[in-house]
PDB file of N, CA and C in Angstrom:
ATOM      1  N   MET A   1     -23.633  -6.887   0.680  1.00  0.00           N
ATOM      2  CA  MET A   1     -24.130  -5.875   0.988  1.00  0.00           C
ATOM      3  C   MET A   1     -25.867  -6.904   1.071  1.00  0.00           C
ATOM      4  N   ASN A   2     -26.929  -6.306   1.556  1.00  0.00           N
ATOM      5  CA  ASN A   2     -27.829  -6.545   0.845  1.00  0.00           C
ATOM      6  C   ASN A   2     -29.083  -5.053   0.152  1.00  0.00           C
ATOM      7  N   ASP A   3     -29.605  -5.420  -0.401  1.00  0.00           N
ATOM      8  CA  ASP A   3     -30.456  -3.893  -1.240  1.00  0.00           C
ATOM      9  C   ASP A   3     -30.533  -2.873  -0.213  1.00  0.00           C
ATOM     10  N   ALA A   4     -31.070  -3.010   0.737  1.00  0.00           N
ATOM     11  CA  ALA A   4     -31.079  -1.830   1.871  1.00  0.00           C
ATOM     12  C   ALA A   4     -29.661  -1.669   2.021  1.00  0.00           C
ATOM     13  N   GLN A   5     -28.856  -2.334   2.628  1.00  0.00           N
ATOM     14  CA  GLN A   5     -27.094  -1.211   2.570  1.00  0.00           C
ATOM     15  C   GLN A   5     -27.156  -0.754   1.204  1.00  0.00           C
ATOM     16  N   THR A   6     -27.182  -1.335   0.575  1.00  0.00           N
ATOM     17  CA  THR A   6     -26.400  -1.437  -0.896  1.00  0.00           C
ATOM     18  C   THR A   6     -27.356   0.671  -1.404  1.00  0.00           C
ATOM     19  N   SER A   7     -28.358   0.415  -0.490  1.00  0.00           N
ATOM     20  CA  SER A   7     -29.023   1.792  -1.199  1.00  0.00           C
ATOM     21  C   SER A   7     -28.661   3.057  -0.168  1.00  0.00           C
ATOM     22  N   ALA A   8     -28.566   2.608   0.894  1.00  0.00           N
ATOM     23  CA  ALA A   8     -28.204   3.656   2.187  1.00  0.00           C
ATOM     24  C   ALA A   8     -26.589   4.345   2.175  1.00  0.00           C
ATOM     25  N   PHE A   9     -26.111   3.335   1.692  1.00  0.00           N
ATOM     26  CA  PHE A   9     -24.362   3.242   0.908  1.00  0.00           C
ATOM     27  C   PHE A   9     -24.290   4.419  -0.308  1.00  0.00           C
ATOM     28  N   LYS A  10     -24.695   4.109  -0.865  1.00  0.00           N
ATOM     29  CA  LYS A  10     -25.327   5.475  -2.162  1.00  0.00           C
ATOM     30  C   LYS A  10     -25.755   6.244  -2.016  1.00  0.00           C
ATOM     31  N   ALA A  11     -26.606   6.589  -0.697  1.00  0.00           N
ATOM     32  CA  ALA A  11     -27.084   7.557  -0.484  1.00  0.00           C
ATOM     33  C   ALA A  11     -26.283   8.392  -0.227  1.00  0.00           C
ATOM     34  N   ALA A  12     -25.663   7.918   0.830  1.00  0.00           N
ATOM     35  CA  ALA A  12     -25.019   8.736   1.689  1.00  0.00           C
ATOM     36  C   ALA A  12     -23.423   9.514   1.052  1.00  0.00           C
ATOM     37  N   SER A  13     -22.900   8.706   0.249  1.00  0.00           N
ATOM     38  CA  SER A  13     -21.782   8.651  -0.709  1.00  0.00           C
ATOM     39  C   SER A  13     -22.166   9.532  -1.861  1.00  0.00           C
ATOM     40  N   GLY A  14     -23.194   9.978  -2.102  1.00  0.00           N
ATOM     41  CA  GLY A  14     -23.467  11.131  -3.770  1.00  0.00           C
ATOM     42  C   GLY A  14     -23.673   9.786  -4.584  1.00  0.00           C
ATOM     43  N   ASN A  15     -24.242   8.855  -4.058  1.00  0.00           N
ATOM     44  CA  ASN A  15     -24.989   7.952  -5.477  1.00  0.00           C
ATOM     45  C   ASN A  15     -23.251   6.753  -6.064  1.00  0.00           C
ATOM     46  N   ALA A  16     -22.582   6.875  -5.292  1.00  0.00           N
ATOM     47  CA  ALA A  16     -21.112   6.194  -5.630  1.00  0.00           C
ATOM     48  C   ALA A  16     -21.260   4.516  -5.373  1.00  0.00           C
ATOM     49  N   ASP A  17     -20.589   3.865  -6.247  1.00  0.00           N
ATOM     50  CA  ASP A  17     -21.063   2.164  -6.369  1.00  0.00           C
ATOM     51  C   ASP A  17     -19.877   1.825  -4.932  1.00  0.00           C
ATOM     52  N   PRO A  18     -20.198   1.278  -4.251  1.00  0.00           N
ATOM     53  CA  PRO A  18     -19.646   0.766  -3.408  1.00  0.00           C
ATOM     54  C   PRO A  18     -18.343  -0.161  -3.884  1.00  0.00           C
ATOM     55  N   ALA A  19     -18.343  -0.863  -4.695  1.00  0.00           N
ATOM     56  CA  ALA A  19     -17.125  -2.038  -5.370  1.00  0.00           C
ATOM     57  C   ALA A  19     -15.722  -0.925  -6.297  1.00  0.00           C
ATOM     58  N   LEU A  20     -16.427   0.027  -6.453  1.00  0.00           N
ATOM     59  CA  LEU A  20     -15.275   1.190  -7.444  1.00  0.00           C
ATOM     60  C   LEU A  20     -15.039   2.174  -5.955  1.00  0.00           C
ATOM     61  N   LEU A  21     -15.196   2.376  -4.953  1.00  0.00           N
ATOM     62  CA  LEU A  21     -14.845   2.859  -3.942  1.00  0.00           C
ATOM     63  C   LEU A  21     -13.898   2.085  -3.396  1.00  0.00           C
ATOM     64  N   SER A  22     -14.079   1.100  -3.065  1.00  0.00           N
ATOM     65  CA  SER A  22     -13.118  -0.210  -2.808  1.00  0.00           C
ATOM     66  C   SER A  22     -12.004  -0.299  -3.467  1.00  0.00           C
ATOM     67  N   SER A  23     -12.276  -0.056  -5.144  1.00  0.00           N
ATOM     68  CA  SER A  23     -11.403  -0.331  -6.003  1.00  0.00           C
ATOM     69  C   SER A  23     -10.091   0.612  -5.682  1.00  0.00           C
ATOM     70  N   VAL A  24     -10.695   1.964  -5.819  1.00  0.00           N
ATOM     71  CA  VAL A  24     -10.045   3.343  -5.298  1.00  0.00           C
ATOM     72  C   VAL A  24      -9.559   3.510  -4.043  1.00  0.00           C
ATOM     73  N   PHE A  25      -9.767   3.044  -3.066  1.00  0.00           N
ATOM     74  CA  PHE A  25      -8.974   3.075  -1.743  1.00  0.00           C
ATOM     75  C   PHE A  25      -8.091   1.879  -2.353  1.00  0.00           C
ATOM     76  N   ILE A  26      -8.344   0.814  -1.919  1.00  0.00           N
ATOM     77  CA  ILE A  26      -7.255  -0.386  -2.416  1.00  0.00           C
ATOM     78  C   ILE A  26      -6.199   0.143  -3.304  1.00  0.00           C
ATOM     79  N   GLY A  27      -6.649   0.654  -4.387  1.00  0.00           N
ATOM     80  CA  GLY A  27      -5.341   1.147  -5.523  1.00  0.00           C
ATOM     81  C   GLY A  27      -4.341   2.378  -4.721  1.00  0.00           C
ATOM     82  N   ALA A  28      -5.240   3.319  -3.986  1.00  0.00           N
ATOM     83  CA  ALA A  28      -4.417   3.816  -3.422  1.00  0.00           C
ATOM     84  C   ALA A  28      -3.412   3.552  -2.038  1.00  0.00           C
ATOM     85  N   LEU A  29      -4.174   2.646  -1.517  1.00  0.00           N
ATOM     86  CA  LEU A  29      -3.244   1.873  -0.577  1.00  0.00           C
ATOM     87  C   LEU A  29      -1.935   1.382  -1.130  1.00  0.00           C
ATOM     88  N   ILE A  30      -2.042   0.772  -2.212  1.00  0.00           N
ATOM     89  CA  ILE A  30      -0.818   0.121  -2.164  1.00  0.00           C
ATOM     90  C   ILE A  30       0.222   0.969  -3.052  1.00  0.00           C
ATOM     91  N   ALA A  31      -0.854   2.169  -3.959  1.00  0.00           N
ATOM     92  CA  ALA A  31       0.281   3.014  -4.315  1.00  0.00           C
ATOM     93  C   ALA A  31       1.142   3.781  -3.347  1.00  0.00           C
ATOM     94  N   LEU A  32       0.484   4.161  -2.787  1.00  0.00           N
ATOM     95  CA  LEU A  32       1.099   4.664  -0.794  1.00  0.00           C
ATOM     96  C   LEU A  32       2.449   4.042  -0.864  1.00  0.00           C
ATOM     97  N   LEU A  33       1.803   2.555  -0.496  1.00  0.00           N
ATOM     98  CA  LEU A  33       2.636   1.406   0.014  1.00  0.00           C
ATOM     99  C   LEU A  33       3.895   1.970  -0.535  1.00  0.00           C
ATOM    100  N   ILE A  34       3.921   1.474  -2.238  1.00  0.00           N
ATOM    101  CA  ILE A  34       4.704   1.713  -2.904  1.00  0.00           C
ATOM    102  C   ILE A  34       5.490   2.481  -3.514  1.00  0.00           C
ATOM    103  N   LEU A  35       5.263   4.221  -3.136  1.00  0.00           N
ATOM    104  CA  LEU A  35       5.828   5.305  -2.879  1.00  0.00           C
ATOM    105  C   LEU A  35       6.543   5.209  -1.455  1.00  0.00           C
ATOM    106  N   TRP A  36       6.002   4.993  -0.472  1.00  0.00           N
ATOM    107  CA  TRP A  36       6.689   5.049   0.811  1.00  0.00           C
ATOM    108  C   TRP A  36       7.849   3.746   1.174  1.00  0.00           C
ATOM    109  N   VAL A  37       7.889   3.173  -0.083  1.00  0.00           N
ATOM    110  CA  VAL A  37       8.851   1.851  -0.173  1.00  0.00           C
ATOM    111  C   VAL A  37      10.095   2.379  -0.929  1.00  0.00           C
ATOM    112  N   GLY A  38       9.383   2.881  -1.491  1.00  0.00           N
ATOM    113  CA  GLY A  38      10.826   3.967  -3.105  1.00  0.00           C
ATOM    114  C   GLY A  38      11.203   4.604  -1.850  1.00  0.00           C
ATOM    115  N   TRP A  39      10.904   5.801  -1.358  1.00  0.00           N
ATOM    116  CA  TRP A  39      11.580   6.595  -0.047  1.00  0.00           C
ATOM    117  C   TRP A  39      12.349   6.077   0.523  1.00  0.00           C
ATOM    118  N   GLY A  40      11.886   5.136   1.015  1.00  0.00           N
ATOM    119  CA  GLY A  40      13.021   4.344   2.084  1.00  0.00           C
ATOM    120  C   GLY A  40      14.295   3.488   1.335  1.00  0.00           C
ATOM    121  N   PHE A  41      13.963   3.154   0.003  1.00  0.00           N
ATOM    122  CA  PHE A  41      15.228   2.667  -0.291  1.00  0.00           C
ATOM    123  C   PHE A  41      15.829   3.327  -0.514  1.00  0.00           C
ATOM    124  N   VAL A  42      15.260   4.854  -1.509  1.00  0.00           N
ATOM    125  CA  VAL A  42      16.356   6.232  -1.728  1.00  0.00           C
ATOM    126  C   VAL A  42      17.325   6.534  -0.336  1.00  0.00           C
ATOM    127  N   HIS A  43      16.653   6.268   0.680  1.00  0.00           N
ATOM    128  CA  HIS A  43      17.276   6.778   1.679  1.00  0.00           C
ATOM    129  C   HIS A  43      18.331   5.937   2.616  1.00  0.00           C
ATOM    130  N   VAL A  44      17.942   4.614   2.356  1.00  0.00           N
ATOM    131  CA  VAL A  44      18.457   3.554   2.794  1.00  0.00           C
ATOM    132  C   VAL A  44      19.795   3.271   1.840  1.00  0.00           C
ATOM    133  N   TYR A  45      19.356   3.752   0.533  1.00  0.00           N
ATOM    134  CA  TYR A  45      20.977   3.441  -0.177  1.00  0.00           C
ATOM    135  C   TYR A  45      21.510   4.504  -0.270  1.00  0.00           C
ATOM    136  N   ARG A  46      21.331   6.101   0.234  1.00  0.00           N
ATOM    137  CA  ARG A  46      22.187   6.725   0.490  1.00  0.00           C
ATOM    138  C   ARG A  46      22.997   6.764   1.537  1.00  0.00           C
ATOM    139  N   GLY A  47      22.552   6.508   2.883  1.00  0.00           N
ATOM    140  CA  GLY A  47      22.966   5.549   3.960  1.00  0.00           C
ATOM    141  C   GLY A  47      23.761   4.845   3.786  1.00  0.00           C
ATOM    142  N   PHE A  48      23.773   3.686   2.403  1.00  0.00           N
ATOM    143  CA  PHE A  48      24.513   2.581   2.233  1.00  0.00           C
ATOM    144  C   PHE A  48      26.096   3.181   1.423  1.00  0.00           C
ATOM    145  N   ALA A  49      25.552   3.867   0.448  1.00  0.00           N
ATOM    146  CA  ALA A  49      26.836   4.405  -0.393  1.00  0.00           C
ATOM    147  C   ALA A  49      27.287   5.280   0.508  1.00  0.00           C
ATOM    148  N   ALA A  50      26.931   6.052   1.891  1.00  0.00           N
ATOM    149  CA  ALA A  50      27.922   6.859   2.429  1.00  0.00           C
ATOM    150  C   ALA A  50      28.738   5.907   3.436  1.00  0.00           C
ATOM    151  N   GLY A  51      28.691   4.481   3.470  1.00  0.00           N
ATOM    152  CA  GLY A  51      29.241   3.585   4.726  1.00  0.00           C
ATOM    153  C   GLY A  51      28.210   3.887   6.156  1.00  0.00           C
ATOM    154  N   HIS A  52      27.056   4.588   6.130  1.00  0.00           N
ATOM    155  CA  HIS A  52      26.575   4.526   7.739  1.00  0.00           C
ATOM    156  C   HIS A  52      25.687   3.368   7.919  1.00  0.00           C
ATOM    157  N   ILE A  53      25.617   2.673   6.462  1.00  0.00           N
ATOM    158  CA  ILE A  53      24.583   1.796   6.851  1.00  0.00           C
ATOM    159  C   ILE A  53      25.549   0.702   6.378  1.00  0.00           C
ATOM    160  N   LYS A  54      25.193  -0.612   7.460  1.00  0.00           N
ATOM    161  CA  LYS A  54      25.430  -1.973   6.484  1.00  0.00           C
ATOM    162  C   LYS A  54      24.966  -2.581   5.368  1.00  0.00           C
ATOM    163  N   GLU A  55      25.610  -3.420   4.872  1.00  0.00           N
ATOM    164  CA  GLU A  55      24.907  -4.238   3.920  1.00  0.00           C
ATOM    165  C   GLU A  55      23.773  -4.656   4.146  1.00  0.00           C
ATOM    166  N   GLN A  56      23.877  -5.215   5.649  1.00  0.00           N
ATOM    167  CA  GLN A  56      23.017  -6.747   6.486  1.00  0.00           C
ATOM    168  C   GLN A  56      21.447  -5.412   6.446  1.00  0.00           C
ATOM    169  N   ALA A  57      21.886  -4.427   6.918  1.00  0.00           N
ATOM    170  CA  ALA A  57      20.346  -3.574   7.147  1.00  0.00           C
ATOM    171  C   ALA A  57      20.333  -3.132   5.706  1.00  0.00           C
ATOM    172  N   LEU A  58      20.511  -2.816   4.716  1.00  0.00           N
ATOM    173  CA  LEU A  58      19.979  -2.935   3.230  1.00  0.00           C
ATOM    174  C   LEU A  58      19.103  -4.113   2.792  1.00  0.00           C
ATOM    175  N   VAL A  59      19.751  -5.059   3.220  1.00  0.00           N
ATOM    176  CA  VAL A  59      18.510  -6.044   2.845  1.00  0.00           C
ATOM    177  C   VAL A  59      17.838  -6.653   3.646  1.00  0.00           C
ATOM    178  N   ARG A  60      18.095  -6.512   5.284  1.00  0.00           N
ATOM    179  CA  ARG A  60      16.599  -6.648   5.489  1.00  0.00           C
ATOM    180  C   ARG A  60      15.576  -5.892   5.497  1.00  0.00           C
ATOM    181  N   PHE A  61      16.292  -4.135   5.050  1.00  0.00           N
ATOM    182  CA  PHE A  61      15.082  -3.431   4.668  1.00  0.00           C
ATOM    183  C   PHE A  61      14.190  -3.841   3.141  1.00  0.00           C
ATOM    184  N   ALA A  62      15.537  -4.416   2.584  1.00  0.00           N
ATOM    185  CA  ALA A  62      14.611  -4.554   1.108  1.00  0.00           C
ATOM    186  C   ALA A  62      13.495  -5.958   1.243  1.00  0.00           C
ATOM    187  N   ILE A  63      13.997  -6.675   2.505  1.00  0.00           N
ATOM    188  CA  ILE A  63      12.934  -7.956   2.457  1.00  0.00           C
ATOM    189  C   ILE A  63      11.812  -7.131   3.520  1.00  0.00           C
ATOM    190  N   ARG A  64      12.022  -6.884   4.379  1.00  0.00           N
ATOM    191  CA  ARG A  64      10.862  -6.099   4.675  1.00  0.00           C
ATOM    192  C   ARG A  64       9.658  -5.534   4.041  1.00  0.00           C
ATOM    193  N   SER A  65      10.184  -4.724   3.037  1.00  0.00           N
ATOM    194  CA  SER A  65       9.690  -3.719   1.848  1.00  0.00           C
ATOM    195  C   SER A  65       8.592  -4.859   0.853  1.00  0.00           C
ATOM    196  N   VAL A  66       9.644  -5.552   0.521  1.00  0.00           N
ATOM    197  CA  VAL A  66       8.782  -6.405  -0.319  1.00  0.00           C
ATOM    198  C   VAL A  66       8.020  -7.508  -0.149  1.00  0.00           C
ATOM    199  N   LEU A  67       8.531  -7.921   1.380  1.00  0.00           N
ATOM    200  CA  LEU A  67       7.291  -8.593   2.237  1.00  0.00           C
ATOM    201  C   LEU A  67       5.681  -7.670   2.500  1.00  0.00           C
ATOM    202  N   LEU A  68       5.899  -6.560   2.931  1.00  0.00           N
ATOM    203  CA  LEU A  68       4.799  -5.684   3.131  1.00  0.00           C
ATOM    204  C   LEU A  68       4.249  -5.588   1.733  1.00  0.00           C
ATOM    205  N   ILE A  69       4.472  -5.355   0.854  1.00  0.00           N
ATOM    206  CA  ILE A  69       3.755  -5.030  -0.646  1.00  0.00           C
ATOM    207  C   ILE A  69       3.224  -6.256  -0.406  1.00  0.00           C
ATOM    208  N   ILE A  70       3.691  -7.451  -0.766  1.00  0.00           N
ATOM    209  CA  ILE A  70       3.249  -8.728  -1.154  1.00  0.00           C
ATOM    210  C   ILE A  70       1.869  -9.088  -0.396  1.00  0.00           C
ATOM    211  N   ILE A  71       2.494  -8.982   0.919  1.00  0.00           N
ATOM    212  CA  ILE A  71       1.070  -9.118   1.805  1.00  0.00           C
ATOM    213  C   ILE A  71      -0.103  -8.284   1.775  1.00  0.00           C
ATOM    214  N   ALA A  72      -0.148  -6.879   1.341  1.00  0.00           N
ATOM    215  CA  ALA A  72      -0.515  -5.975   1.411  1.00  0.00           C
ATOM    216  C   ALA A  72      -1.224  -6.468  -0.096  1.00  0.00           C
ATOM    217  N   ILE A  73      -0.789  -6.451  -1.221  1.00  0.00           N
ATOM    218  CA  ILE A  73      -1.489  -6.989  -1.828  1.00  0.00           C
ATOM    219  C   ILE A  73      -2.578  -8.237  -2.098  1.00  0.00           C
ATOM    220  N   TYR A  74      -2.197  -9.072  -1.285  1.00  0.00           N
ATOM    221  CA  TYR A  74      -3.041 -10.705  -0.649  1.00  0.00           C
ATOM    222  C   TYR A  74      -3.787 -10.282  -0.119  1.00  0.00           C
ATOM    223  N   LEU A  75      -3.718  -9.144   1.145  1.00  0.00           N
ATOM    224  CA  LEU A  75      -4.602  -9.094   1.984  1.00  0.00           C
ATOM    225  C   LEU A  75      -5.653  -8.309   1.593  1.00  0.00           C
ATOM    226  N   PHE A  76      -5.170  -7.090   0.505  1.00  0.00           N
ATOM    227  CA  PHE A  76      -6.460  -6.534  -0.395  1.00  0.00           C
ATOM    228  C   PHE A  76      -6.643  -5.936  -1.338  1.00  0.00           C
ATOM    229  N   ALA A  77      -6.059  -7.191  -2.287  1.00  0.00           N
ATOM    230  CA  ALA A  77      -6.286  -6.700  -3.935  1.00  0.00           C
ATOM    231  C   ALA A  77      -6.671  -8.195  -4.502  1.00  0.00           C
ATOM    232  N   SER A  78      -6.648  -9.238  -3.440  1.00  0.00           N
ATOM    233  CA  SER A  78      -7.225 -10.115  -4.006  1.00  0.00           C
ATOM    234  C   SER A  78      -8.393 -10.593  -3.874  1.00  0.00           C
TER     235      SER A  78
END
């Protein structure tokens, strides 16, 4: 951003630095994704342990979850 945009952003956001807010929101996004994946793993594992979910579905969920986190980190935190 140029100086005019930065000063307008700081005025509208209560004198917050854009880079700091970006880091906070990216960190919150990654934390939320990790919590969601953890919640999903708990539920999928419970279904697997009870015999309602096949091993193939458990593996697919694990692969999709890991890919989701890797892609999110690559796109937003790099």
